[in-house]
Amino acid sequence: ALQSAASADGAFPLDVLGAESAGMIGYMIEQELANLTSQRLFATLLTQVKVDPGDPAFAHPTKPIGPVYDEATARRLAGERGWTVAPDGDKWRRVVPSPRPLDILEVSVISYL
């Protein structure tokens, strides 16, 4: 899914891509922890957070995601796909909002654990 986000067809919404990343990272952490000890059990929990739709981060995206591009390609993709792009070192990347989390939506379920 992350790779398909860089192509024009088959892109997934950012929340799905974020969940995919979190799940993959959680899986890798679980594997390493399990390699260290067989005395404990581990689980990865994916959570969703509530954000304020009026958070200023939505008007000023700053979190770089995805592959790097030269400036011309980044600007072309921004125009074609409605992206915001910004310099990242000597290359350019897509940037997205990173609003402040207000609440964890699954907190009541997590409290049972």
Foldseek 3Di string as FASTA:
>chain_A
DQVCCVPPPDHDDPVVVVQVVQVVVQVVVQVVVCVVDVPDHDDRDDWDFDFDPPFCLQVPFDAFGDDWAAPVVVVVCCVVPVFDKDDDDRTIGTTHGDTDTDGIPCVVVVVVD
